[in-house]
Amino acid sequence: MPTPHDSSWAASDDASSLLDAIISLEDQEGAERLLRDLCTRRELEEIVSRWAVVRRLAAGDSYRAIRENTSVSTATITRINDWLRNGSGGYGEALNRLGIERLQRS
């Protein structure tokens, strides 16, 4: 059974093609157009909320502060934090490429 961090889904031709399409985009406007065509409004809102959680976790914000500022459930914040710490490294790579330093919570 695949784990939440399993990337076997990306092995399909369709997933590979989508990933190629994403990395081929040259600017934010192109990425926005693709995401708006690909996702429902609700899906986009969820993706944006999850990225907001990643950024706030990286900044060292508490779960309570994140919950209050994003309306994302504590369960989802916990899951995102697990992926940030123990996942495949996608969040970390994106944060690094954007120059966002990850602070360690004590």
PDB file of N, CA and C in Angstrom:
ATOM      1  N   MET A   1       0.847  -1.190   0.000  1.00  0.00           N
ATOM      2  CA  MET A   1       0.000   0.000   0.000  1.00  0.00           C
ATOM      3  C   MET A   1       0.888   1.249   0.000  1.00  0.00           C
ATOM      4  N   PRO A   2       0.621   2.221  -0.884  1.00  0.00           N
ATOM      5  CA  PRO A   2       1.440   3.435  -0.943  1.00  0.00           C
ATOM      6  C   PRO A   2       1.325   4.259   0.338  1.00  0.00           C
ATOM      7  N   THR A   3       2.407   4.896   0.711  1.00  0.00           N
ATOM      8  CA  THR A   3       2.400   5.795   1.860  1.00  0.00           C
ATOM      9  C   THR A   3       2.048   7.194   1.377  1.00  0.00           C
ATOM     10  N   PRO A   4       1.722   8.108   2.306  1.00  0.00           N
ATOM     11  CA  PRO A   4       1.414   9.480   1.877  1.00  0.00           C
ATOM     12  C   PRO A   4       2.567  10.146   1.139  1.00  0.00           C
ATOM     13  N   HIS A   5       3.786   9.645   1.358  1.00  0.00           N
ATOM     14  CA  HIS A   5       4.955  10.252   0.728  1.00  0.00           C
ATOM     15  C   HIS A   5       5.378   9.497  -0.527  1.00  0.00           C
ATOM     16  N   ASP A   6       4.621   8.478  -0.903  1.00  0.00           N
ATOM     17  CA  ASP A   6       4.937   7.647  -2.059  1.00  0.00           C
ATOM     18  C   ASP A   6       4.703   8.456  -3.335  1.00  0.00           C
ATOM     19  N   SER A   7       5.656   8.420  -4.243  1.00  0.00           N
ATOM     20  CA  SER A   7       5.513   9.185  -5.484  1.00  0.00           C
ATOM     21  C   SER A   7       5.234   8.275  -6.679  1.00  0.00           C
ATOM     22  N   SER A   8       4.749   7.066  -6.426  1.00  0.00           N
ATOM     23  CA  SER A   8       4.475   6.155  -7.537  1.00  0.00           C
ATOM     24  C   SER A   8       3.387   6.705  -8.455  1.00  0.00           C
ATOM     25  N   TRP A   9       2.541   7.583  -7.953  1.00  0.00           N
ATOM     26  CA  TRP A   9       1.503   8.196  -8.786  1.00  0.00           C
ATOM     27  C   TRP A   9       2.138   8.947  -9.955  1.00  0.00           C
ATOM     28  N   ALA A  10       3.348   9.455  -9.766  1.00  0.00           N
ATOM     29  CA  ALA A  10       4.015  10.258 -10.794  1.00  0.00           C
ATOM     30  C   ALA A  10       4.570   9.410 -11.929  1.00  0.00           C
ATOM     31  N   ALA A  11       4.514   8.082 -11.778  1.00  0.00           N
ATOM     32  CA  ALA A  11       5.078   7.205 -12.804  1.00  0.00           C
ATOM     33  C   ALA A  11       4.181   7.067 -14.029  1.00  0.00           C
ATOM     34  N   SER A  12       2.922   7.438 -13.925  1.00  0.00           N
ATOM     35  CA  SER A  12       2.033   7.303 -15.086  1.00  0.00           C
ATOM     36  C   SER A  12       2.405   8.324 -16.162  1.00  0.00           C
ATOM     37  N   ASP A  13       2.092   7.992 -17.398  1.00  0.00           N
ATOM     38  CA  ASP A  13       2.375   8.910 -18.510  1.00  0.00           C
ATOM     39  C   ASP A  13       1.638  10.231 -18.337  1.00  0.00           C
ATOM     40  N   ASP A  14       0.394  10.168 -17.868  1.00  0.00           N
ATOM     41  CA  ASP A  14      -0.383  11.396 -17.694  1.00  0.00           C
ATOM     42  C   ASP A  14       0.218  12.290 -16.619  1.00  0.00           C
ATOM     43  N   ALA A  15       0.626  11.695 -15.491  1.00  0.00           N
ATOM     44  CA  ALA A  15       1.231  12.486 -14.422  1.00  0.00           C
ATOM     45  C   ALA A  15       2.559  13.071 -14.886  1.00  0.00           C
ATOM     46  N   SER A  16       3.347  12.261 -15.573  1.00  0.00           N
ATOM     47  CA  SER A  16       4.635  12.736 -16.084  1.00  0.00           C
ATOM     48  C   SER A  16       4.442  13.902 -17.042  1.00  0.00           C
ATOM     49  N   SER A  17       3.427  13.799 -17.902  1.00  0.00           N
ATOM     50  CA  SER A  17       3.132  14.875 -18.840  1.00  0.00           C
ATOM     51  C   SER A  17       2.710  16.151 -18.117  1.00  0.00           C
ATOM     52  N   LEU A  18       1.899  16.002 -17.062  1.00  0.00           N
ATOM     53  CA  LEU A  18       1.482  17.162 -16.280  1.00  0.00           C
ATOM     54  C   LEU A  18       2.687  17.816 -15.615  1.00  0.00           C
ATOM     55  N   LEU A  19       3.549  17.021 -15.018  1.00  0.00           N
ATOM     56  CA  LEU A  19       4.741  17.577 -14.378  1.00  0.00           C
ATOM     57  C   LEU A  19       5.624  18.297 -15.391  1.00  0.00           C
ATOM     58  N   ASP A  20       5.766  17.708 -16.585  1.00  0.00           N
ATOM     59  CA  ASP A  20       6.531  18.383 -17.642  1.00  0.00           C
ATOM     60  C   ASP A  20       5.886  19.708 -18.024  1.00  0.00           C
ATOM     61  N   ALA A  21       4.547  19.722 -18.103  1.00  0.00           N
ATOM     62  CA  ALA A  21       3.839  20.964 -18.442  1.00  0.00           C
ATOM     63  C   ALA A  21       4.088  22.035 -17.386  1.00  0.00           C
ATOM     64  N   ILE A  22       4.057  21.641 -16.119  1.00  0.00           N
ATOM     65  CA  ILE A  22       4.263  22.599 -15.033  1.00  0.00           C
ATOM     66  C   ILE A  22       5.662  23.199 -15.096  1.00  0.00           C
ATOM     67  N   ILE A  23       6.680  22.351 -15.244  1.00  0.00           N
ATOM     68  CA  ILE A  23       8.040  22.893 -15.235  1.00  0.00           C
ATOM     69  C   ILE A  23       8.391  23.630 -16.522  1.00  0.00           C
ATOM     70  N   SER A  24       7.592  23.453 -17.562  1.00  0.00           N
ATOM     71  CA  SER A  24       7.867  24.160 -18.806  1.00  0.00           C
ATOM     72  C   SER A  24       7.375  25.605 -18.780  1.00  0.00           C
ATOM     73  N   LEU A  25       6.527  25.936 -17.828  1.00  0.00           N
ATOM     74  CA  LEU A  25       5.969  27.282 -17.772  1.00  0.00           C
ATOM     75  C   LEU A  25       7.059  28.281 -17.413  1.00  0.00           C
ATOM     76  N   GLU A  26       7.039  29.408 -18.099  1.00  0.00           N
ATOM     77  CA  GLU A  26       8.124  30.370 -17.957  1.00  0.00           C
ATOM     78  C   GLU A  26       7.872  31.467 -16.938  1.00  0.00           C
ATOM     79  N   ASP A  27       6.617  31.650 -16.535  1.00  0.00           N
ATOM     80  CA  ASP A  27       6.353  32.744 -15.618  1.00  0.00           C
ATOM     81  C   ASP A  27       5.129  32.463 -14.762  1.00  0.00           C
ATOM     82  N   GLN A  28       4.929  33.332 -13.780  1.00  0.00           N
ATOM     83  CA  GLN A  28       3.833  33.177 -12.837  1.00  0.00           C
ATOM     84  C   GLN A  28       2.478  33.251 -13.539  1.00  0.00           C
ATOM     85  N   GLU A  29       2.369  34.096 -14.531  1.00  0.00           N
ATOM     86  CA  GLU A  29       1.097  34.235 -15.241  1.00  0.00           C
ATOM     87  C   GLU A  29       0.721  32.936 -15.951  1.00  0.00           C
ATOM     88  N   GLY A  30       1.691  32.273 -16.572  1.00  0.00           N
ATOM     89  CA  GLY A  30       1.427  31.002 -17.221  1.00  0.00           C
ATOM     90  C   GLY A  30       1.017  29.941 -16.220  1.00  0.00           C
ATOM     91  N   ALA A  31       1.694  29.913 -15.088  1.00  0.00           N
ATOM     92  CA  ALA A  31       1.349  28.959 -14.033  1.00  0.00           C
ATOM     93  C   ALA A  31      -0.060  29.233 -13.507  1.00  0.00           C
ATOM     94  N   GLU A  32      -0.389  30.499 -13.341  1.00  0.00           N
ATOM     95  CA  GLU A  32      -1.731  30.863 -12.868  1.00  0.00           C
ATOM     96  C   GLU A  32      -2.790  30.387 -13.858  1.00  0.00           C
ATOM     97  N   ARG A  33      -2.567  30.630 -15.134  1.00  0.00           N
ATOM     98  CA  ARG A  33      -3.550  30.204 -16.147  1.00  0.00           C
ATOM     99  C   ARG A  33      -3.736  28.689 -16.148  1.00  0.00           C
ATOM    100  N   LEU A  34      -2.633  27.950 -16.062  1.00  0.00           N
ATOM    101  CA  LEU A  34      -2.744  26.491 -16.043  1.00  0.00           C
ATOM    102  C   LEU A  34      -3.515  26.023 -14.812  1.00  0.00           C
ATOM    103  N   LEU A  35      -3.158  26.546 -13.646  1.00  0.00           N
ATOM    104  CA  LEU A  35      -3.838  26.125 -12.428  1.00  0.00           C
ATOM    105  C   LEU A  35      -5.313  26.497 -12.442  1.00  0.00           C
ATOM    106  N   ARG A  36      -5.647  27.671 -12.985  1.00  0.00           N
ATOM    107  CA  ARG A  36      -7.058  28.076 -13.048  1.00  0.00           C
ATOM    108  C   ARG A  36      -7.850  27.183 -13.985  1.00  0.00           C
ATOM    109  N   ASP A  37      -7.224  26.710 -15.059  1.00  0.00           N
ATOM    110  CA  ASP A  37      -7.903  25.793 -15.975  1.00  0.00           C
ATOM    111  C   ASP A  37      -7.980  24.381 -15.405  1.00  0.00           C
ATOM    112  N   LEU A  38      -6.971  23.982 -14.664  1.00  0.00           N
ATOM    113  CA  LEU A  38      -6.837  22.614 -14.186  1.00  0.00           C
ATOM    114  C   LEU A  38      -7.655  22.336 -12.932  1.00  0.00           C
ATOM    115  N   CYS A  39      -7.731  23.305 -12.027  1.00  0.00           N
ATOM    116  CA  CYS A  39      -8.340  23.104 -10.712  1.00  0.00           C
ATOM    117  C   CYS A  39      -9.634  23.883 -10.561  1.00  0.00           C
ATOM    118  N   THR A  40     -10.500  23.367  -9.687  1.00  0.00           N
ATOM    119  CA  THR A  40     -11.688  24.129  -9.321  1.00  0.00           C
ATOM    120  C   THR A  40     -11.259  25.268  -8.400  1.00  0.00           C
ATOM    121  N   ARG A  41     -12.138  26.211  -8.205  1.00  0.00           N
ATOM    122  CA  ARG A  41     -11.841  27.324  -7.303  1.00  0.00           C
ATOM    123  C   ARG A  41     -11.522  26.792  -5.905  1.00  0.00           C
ATOM    124  N   ARG A  42     -12.307  25.829  -5.437  1.00  0.00           N
ATOM    125  CA  ARG A  42     -12.087  25.254  -4.105  1.00  0.00           C
ATOM    126  C   ARG A  42     -10.728  24.545  -4.018  1.00  0.00           C
ATOM    127  N   GLU A  43     -10.358  23.812  -5.051  1.00  0.00           N
ATOM    128  CA  GLU A  43      -9.054  23.146  -5.064  1.00  0.00           C
ATOM    129  C   GLU A  43      -7.921  24.169  -5.005  1.00  0.00           C
ATOM    130  N   LEU A  44      -8.062  25.258  -5.752  1.00  0.00           N
ATOM    131  CA  LEU A  44      -7.041  26.309  -5.717  1.00  0.00           C
ATOM    132  C   LEU A  44      -6.944  26.936  -4.332  1.00  0.00           C
ATOM    133  N   GLU A  45      -8.089  27.188  -3.713  1.00  0.00           N
ATOM    134  CA  GLU A  45      -8.094  27.759  -2.364  1.00  0.00           C
ATOM    135  C   GLU A  45      -7.392  26.825  -1.383  1.00  0.00           C
ATOM    136  N   GLU A  46      -7.635  25.513  -1.516  1.00  0.00           N
ATOM    137  CA  GLU A  46      -6.993  24.544  -0.628  1.00  0.00           C
ATOM    138  C   GLU A  46      -5.485  24.499  -0.856  1.00  0.00           C
ATOM    139  N   ILE A  47      -5.061  24.532  -2.100  1.00  0.00           N
ATOM    140  CA  ILE A  47      -3.626  24.527  -2.405  1.00  0.00           C
ATOM    141  C   ILE A  47      -2.962  25.775  -1.829  1.00  0.00           C
ATOM    142  N   VAL A  48      -3.579  26.925  -2.025  1.00  0.00           N
ATOM    143  CA  VAL A  48      -3.026  28.182  -1.510  1.00  0.00           C
ATOM    144  C   VAL A  48      -2.973  28.144   0.022  1.00  0.00           C
ATOM    145  N   SER A  49      -4.034  27.626   0.660  1.00  0.00           N
ATOM    146  CA  SER A  49      -4.048  27.529   2.124  1.00  0.00           C
ATOM    147  C   SER A  49      -2.941  26.609   2.629  1.00  0.00           C
ATOM    148  N   ARG A  50      -2.743  25.492   1.948  1.00  0.00           N
ATOM    149  CA  ARG A  50      -1.693  24.565   2.372  1.00  0.00           C
ATOM    150  C   ARG A  50      -0.314  25.193   2.222  1.00  0.00           C
ATOM    151  N   TRP A  51      -0.100  25.926   1.140  1.00  0.00           N
ATOM    152  CA  TRP A  51       1.190  26.597   0.978  1.00  0.00           C
ATOM    153  C   TRP A  51       1.371  27.661   2.054  1.00  0.00           C
ATOM    154  N   ALA A  52       0.300  28.357   2.429  1.00  0.00           N
ATOM    155  CA  ALA A  52       0.380  29.339   3.514  1.00  0.00           C
ATOM    156  C   ALA A  52       0.802  28.651   4.812  1.00  0.00           C
ATOM    157  N   VAL A  53       0.270  27.457   5.062  1.00  0.00           N
ATOM    158  CA  VAL A  53       0.650  26.701   6.251  1.00  0.00           C
ATOM    159  C   VAL A  53       2.134  26.347   6.191  1.00  0.00           C
ATOM    160  N   VAL A  54       2.601  25.879   5.052  1.00  0.00           N
ATOM    161  CA  VAL A  54       4.024  25.533   4.896  1.00  0.00           C
ATOM    162  C   VAL A  54       4.888  26.739   5.231  1.00  0.00           C
ATOM    163  N   ARG A  55       4.564  27.893   4.670  1.00  0.00           N
ATOM    164  CA  ARG A  55       5.364  29.093   4.906  1.00  0.00           C
ATOM    165  C   ARG A  55       5.353  29.498   6.374  1.00  0.00           C
ATOM    166  N   ARG A  56       4.193  29.381   7.017  1.00  0.00           N
ATOM    167  CA  ARG A  56       4.092  29.759   8.429  1.00  0.00           C
ATOM    168  C   ARG A  56       4.814  28.758   9.333  1.00  0.00           C
ATOM    169  N   LEU A  57       4.735  27.471   8.988  1.00  0.00           N
ATOM    170  CA  LEU A  57       5.502  26.471   9.745  1.00  0.00           C
ATOM    171  C   LEU A  57       6.993  26.742   9.601  1.00  0.00           C
ATOM    172  N   ALA A  58       7.421  27.054   8.396  1.00  0.00           N
ATOM    173  CA  ALA A  58       8.835  27.348   8.146  1.00  0.00           C
ATOM    174  C   ALA A  58       9.283  28.567   8.949  1.00  0.00           C
ATOM    175  N   ALA A  59       8.378  29.499   9.151  1.00  0.00           N
ATOM    176  CA  ALA A  59       8.698  30.712   9.911  1.00  0.00           C
ATOM    177  C   ALA A  59       8.667  30.466  11.418  1.00  0.00           C
ATOM    178  N   GLY A  60       8.233  29.256  11.824  1.00  0.00           N
ATOM    179  CA  GLY A  60       8.206  28.920  13.239  1.00  0.00           C
ATOM    180  C   GLY A  60       6.923  29.288  13.951  1.00  0.00           C
ATOM    181  N   ASP A  61       5.876  29.625  13.211  1.00  0.00           N
ATOM    182  CA  ASP A  61       4.598  29.974  13.839  1.00  0.00           C
ATOM    183  C   ASP A  61       3.999  28.771  14.555  1.00  0.00           C
ATOM    184  N   SER A  62       3.235  29.032  15.593  1.00  0.00           N
ATOM    185  CA  SER A  62       2.567  27.968  16.347  1.00  0.00           C
ATOM    186  C   SER A  62       1.362  27.457  15.554  1.00  0.00           C
ATOM    187  N   TYR A  63       0.956  26.241  15.865  1.00  0.00           N
ATOM    188  CA  TYR A  63      -0.236  25.680  15.223  1.00  0.00           C
ATOM    189  C   TYR A  63      -1.441  26.586  15.468  1.00  0.00           C
ATOM    190  N   ARG A  64      -1.553  27.102  16.684  1.00  0.00           N
ATOM    191  CA  ARG A  64      -2.694  27.962  17.028  1.00  0.00           C
ATOM    192  C   ARG A  64      -2.723  29.215  16.143  1.00  0.00           C
ATOM    193  N   ALA A  65      -1.569  29.857  15.998  1.00  0.00           N
ATOM    194  CA  ALA A  65      -1.495  31.062  15.169  1.00  0.00           C
ATOM    195  C   ALA A  65      -1.808  30.729  13.717  1.00  0.00           C
ATOM    196  N   ILE A  66      -1.297  29.603  13.247  1.00  0.00           N
ATOM    197  CA  ILE A  66      -1.574  29.197  11.862  1.00  0.00           C
ATOM    198  C   ILE A  66      -3.055  28.943  11.679  1.00  0.00           C
ATOM    199  N   ARG A  67      -3.659  28.241  12.620  1.00  0.00           N
ATOM    200  CA  ARG A  67      -5.099  27.929  12.548  1.00  0.00           C
ATOM    201  C   ARG A  67      -5.919  29.218  12.505  1.00  0.00           C
ATOM    202  N   GLU A  68      -5.562  30.166  13.349  1.00  0.00           N
ATOM    203  CA  GLU A  68      -6.301  31.431  13.416  1.00  0.00           C
ATOM    204  C   GLU A  68      -6.148  32.251  12.141  1.00  0.00           C
ATOM    205  N   ASN A  69      -4.976  32.188  11.503  1.00  0.00           N
ATOM    206  CA  ASN A  69      -4.712  33.009  10.324  1.00  0.00           C
ATOM    207  C   ASN A  69      -5.098  32.358   9.004  1.00  0.00           C
ATOM    208  N   THR A  70      -5.263  31.047   9.003  1.00  0.00           N
ATOM    209  CA  THR A  70      -5.544  30.364   7.740  1.00  0.00           C
ATOM    210  C   THR A  70      -6.867  29.616   7.716  1.00  0.00           C
ATOM    211  N   SER A  71      -7.454  29.354   8.881  1.00  0.00           N
ATOM    212  CA  SER A  71      -8.661  28.541   9.006  1.00  0.00           C
ATOM    213  C   SER A  71      -8.444  27.091   8.573  1.00  0.00           C
ATOM    214  N   VAL A  72      -7.196  26.665   8.463  1.00  0.00           N
ATOM    215  CA  VAL A  72      -6.877  25.277   8.152  1.00  0.00           C
ATOM    216  C   VAL A  72      -6.970  24.489   9.450  1.00  0.00           C
ATOM    217  N   SER A  73      -7.524  23.291   9.395  1.00  0.00           N
ATOM    218  CA  SER A  73      -7.698  22.484  10.598  1.00  0.00           C
ATOM    219  C   SER A  73      -6.348  22.091  11.194  1.00  0.00           C
ATOM    220  N   THR A  74      -6.363  21.865  12.496  1.00  0.00           N
ATOM    221  CA  THR A  74      -5.154  21.428  13.181  1.00  0.00           C
ATOM    222  C   THR A  74      -4.668  20.102  12.618  1.00  0.00           C
ATOM    223  N   ALA A  75      -5.586  19.214  12.254  1.00  0.00           N
ATOM    224  CA  ALA A  75      -5.201  17.923  11.671  1.00  0.00           C
ATOM    225  C   ALA A  75      -4.427  18.129  10.372  1.00  0.00           C
ATOM    226  N   THR A  76      -4.884  19.055   9.538  1.00  0.00           N
ATOM    227  CA  THR A  76      -4.183  19.327   8.278  1.00  0.00           C
ATOM    228  C   THR A  76      -2.839  19.991   8.541  1.00  0.00           C
ATOM    229  N   ILE A  77      -2.788  20.889   9.498  1.00  0.00           N
ATOM    230  CA  ILE A  77      -1.521  21.535   9.853  1.00  0.00           C
ATOM    231  C   ILE A  77      -0.522  20.477  10.329  1.00  0.00           C
ATOM    232  N   THR A  78      -0.995  19.552  11.144  1.00  0.00           N
ATOM    233  CA  THR A  78      -0.133  18.471  11.635  1.00  0.00           C
ATOM    234  C   THR A  78       0.382  17.625  10.481  1.00  0.00           C
ATOM    235  N   ARG A  79      -0.497  17.279   9.552  1.00  0.00           N
ATOM    236  CA  ARG A  79      -0.118  16.473   8.392  1.00  0.00           C
ATOM    237  C   ARG A  79       0.895  17.223   7.522  1.00  0.00           C
ATOM    238  N   ILE A  80       0.676  18.493   7.288  1.00  0.00           N
ATOM    239  CA  ILE A  80       1.608  19.291   6.488  1.00  0.00           C
ATOM    240  C   ILE A  80       2.954  19.388   7.195  1.00  0.00           C
ATOM    241  N   ASN A  81       2.931  19.567   8.512  1.00  0.00           N
ATOM    242  CA  ASN A  81       4.190  19.630   9.256  1.00  0.00           C
ATOM    243  C   ASN A  81       4.947  18.309   9.149  1.00  0.00           C
ATOM    244  N   ASP A  82       4.227  17.196   9.187  1.00  0.00           N
ATOM    245  CA  ASP A  82       4.880  15.891   9.016  1.00  0.00           C
ATOM    246  C   ASP A  82       5.524  15.802   7.642  1.00  0.00           C
ATOM    247  N   TRP A  83       4.808  16.229   6.608  1.00  0.00           N
ATOM    248  CA  TRP A  83       5.364  16.192   5.256  1.00  0.00           C
ATOM    249  C   TRP A  83       6.548  17.139   5.124  1.00  0.00           C
ATOM    250  N   LEU A  84       6.461  18.295   5.784  1.00  0.00           N
ATOM    251  CA  LEU A  84       7.571  19.253   5.747  1.00  0.00           C
ATOM    252  C   LEU A  84       8.820  18.651   6.382  1.00  0.00           C
ATOM    253  N   ARG A  85       8.648  17.924   7.472  1.00  0.00           N
ATOM    254  CA  ARG A  85       9.785  17.347   8.198  1.00  0.00           C
ATOM    255  C   ARG A  85      10.241  16.008   7.617  1.00  0.00           C
ATOM    256  N   ASN A  86       9.304  15.179   7.188  1.00  0.00           N
ATOM    257  CA  ASN A  86       9.627  13.790   6.842  1.00  0.00           C
ATOM    258  C   ASN A  86       9.201  13.384   5.443  1.00  0.00           C
ATOM    259  N   GLY A  87       8.721  14.304   4.663  1.00  0.00           N
ATOM    260  CA  GLY A  87       8.206  13.970   3.341  1.00  0.00           C
ATOM    261  C   GLY A  87       9.312  13.764   2.323  1.00  0.00           C
ATOM    262  N   SER A  88       8.962  13.905   1.083  1.00  0.00           N
ATOM    263  CA  SER A  88       9.900  13.645  -0.006  1.00  0.00           C
ATOM    264  C   SER A  88      10.845  14.812  -0.278  1.00  0.00           C
ATOM    265  N   GLY A  89      10.653  15.922   0.419  1.00  0.00           N
ATOM    266  CA  GLY A  89      11.551  17.065   0.266  1.00  0.00           C
ATOM    267  C   GLY A  89      11.042  18.161  -0.655  1.00  0.00           C
ATOM    268  N   GLY A  90       9.851  17.977  -1.193  1.00  0.00           N
ATOM    269  CA  GLY A  90       9.308  18.980  -2.111  1.00  0.00           C
ATOM    270  C   GLY A  90       9.074  20.330  -1.468  1.00  0.00           C
ATOM    271  N   TYR A  91       8.506  20.323  -0.257  1.00  0.00           N
ATOM    272  CA  TYR A  91       8.291  21.589   0.439  1.00  0.00           C
ATOM    273  C   TYR A  91       9.630  22.276   0.704  1.00  0.00           C
ATOM    274  N   GLY A  92      10.583  21.511   1.210  1.00  0.00           N
ATOM    275  CA  GLY A  92      11.892  22.084   1.531  1.00  0.00           C
ATOM    276  C   GLY A  92      12.584  22.650   0.313  1.00  0.00           C
ATOM    277  N   GLU A  93      12.534  21.923  -0.795  1.00  0.00           N
ATOM    278  CA  GLU A  93      13.165  22.411  -2.021  1.00  0.00           C
ATOM    279  C   GLU A  93      12.513  23.707  -2.494  1.00  0.00           C
ATOM    280  N   ALA A  94      11.181  23.749  -2.459  1.00  0.00           N
ATOM    281  CA  ALA A  94      10.482  24.965  -2.890  1.00  0.00           C
ATOM    282  C   ALA A  94      10.827  26.138  -1.979  1.00  0.00           C
ATOM    283  N   LEU A  95      10.840  25.903  -0.662  1.00  0.00           N
ATOM    284  CA  LEU A  95      11.200  26.966   0.270  1.00  0.00           C
ATOM    285  C   LEU A  95      12.617  27.459   0.002  1.00  0.00           C
ATOM    286  N   ASN A  96      13.546  26.522  -0.201  1.00  0.00           N
ATOM    287  CA  ASN A  96      14.933  26.905  -0.480  1.00  0.00           C
ATOM    288  C   ASN A  96      15.041  27.726  -1.751  1.00  0.00           C
ATOM    289  N   ARG A  97      14.356  27.305  -2.799  1.00  0.00           N
ATOM    290  CA  ARG A  97      14.434  28.025  -4.076  1.00  0.00           C
ATOM    291  C   ARG A  97      13.861  29.434  -3.975  1.00  0.00           C
ATOM    292  N   LEU A  98      12.919  29.601  -3.045  1.00  0.00           N
ATOM    293  CA  LEU A  98      12.340  30.931  -2.836  1.00  0.00           C
ATOM    294  C   LEU A  98      13.115  31.739  -1.796  1.00  0.00           C
ATOM    295  N   GLY A  99      14.153  31.142  -1.238  1.00  0.00           N
ATOM    296  CA  GLY A  99      14.965  31.840  -0.245  1.00  0.00           C
ATOM    297  C   GLY A  99      14.281  31.969   1.105  1.00  0.00           C
ATOM    298  N   ILE A 100      13.363  31.068   1.403  1.00  0.00           N
ATOM    299  CA  ILE A 100      12.652  31.096   2.682  1.00  0.00           C
ATOM    300  C   ILE A 100      13.350  30.144   3.636  1.00  0.00           C
ATOM    301  N   GLU A 101      13.906  30.702   4.702  1.00  0.00           N
ATOM    302  CA  GLU A 101      14.630  29.903   5.686  1.00  0.00           C
ATOM    303  C   GLU A 101      13.647  29.203   6.611  1.00  0.00           C
ATOM    304  N   ARG A 102      13.945  27.948   6.915  1.00  0.00           N
ATOM    305  CA  ARG A 102      13.119  27.179   7.845  1.00  0.00           C
ATOM    306  C   ARG A 102      13.664  27.328   9.249  1.00  0.00           C
ATOM    307  N   LEU A 103      12.851  27.904  10.124  1.00  0.00           N
ATOM    308  CA  LEU A 103      13.237  28.033  11.521  1.00  0.00           C
ATOM    309  C   LEU A 103      12.780  26.781  12.256  1.00  0.00           C
ATOM    310  N   GLN A 104      13.561  26.341  13.195  1.00  0.00           N
ATOM    311  CA  GLN A 104      13.207  25.165  13.994  1.00  0.00           C
ATOM    312  C   GLN A 104      12.421  25.622  15.210  1.00  0.00           C
ATOM    313  N   ARG A 105      11.262  24.986  15.421  1.00  0.00           N
ATOM    314  CA  ARG A 105      10.470  25.279  16.620  1.00  0.00           C
ATOM    315  C   ARG A 105      11.063  24.521  17.779  1.00  0.00           C
ATOM    316  N   SER A 106      11.094  25.146  18.929  1.00  0.00           N
ATOM    317  CA  SER A 106      11.648  24.479  20.109  1.00  0.00           C
ATOM    318  C   SER A 106      10.605  23.689  20.842  1.00  0.00           C
TER     319      SER A 106
END
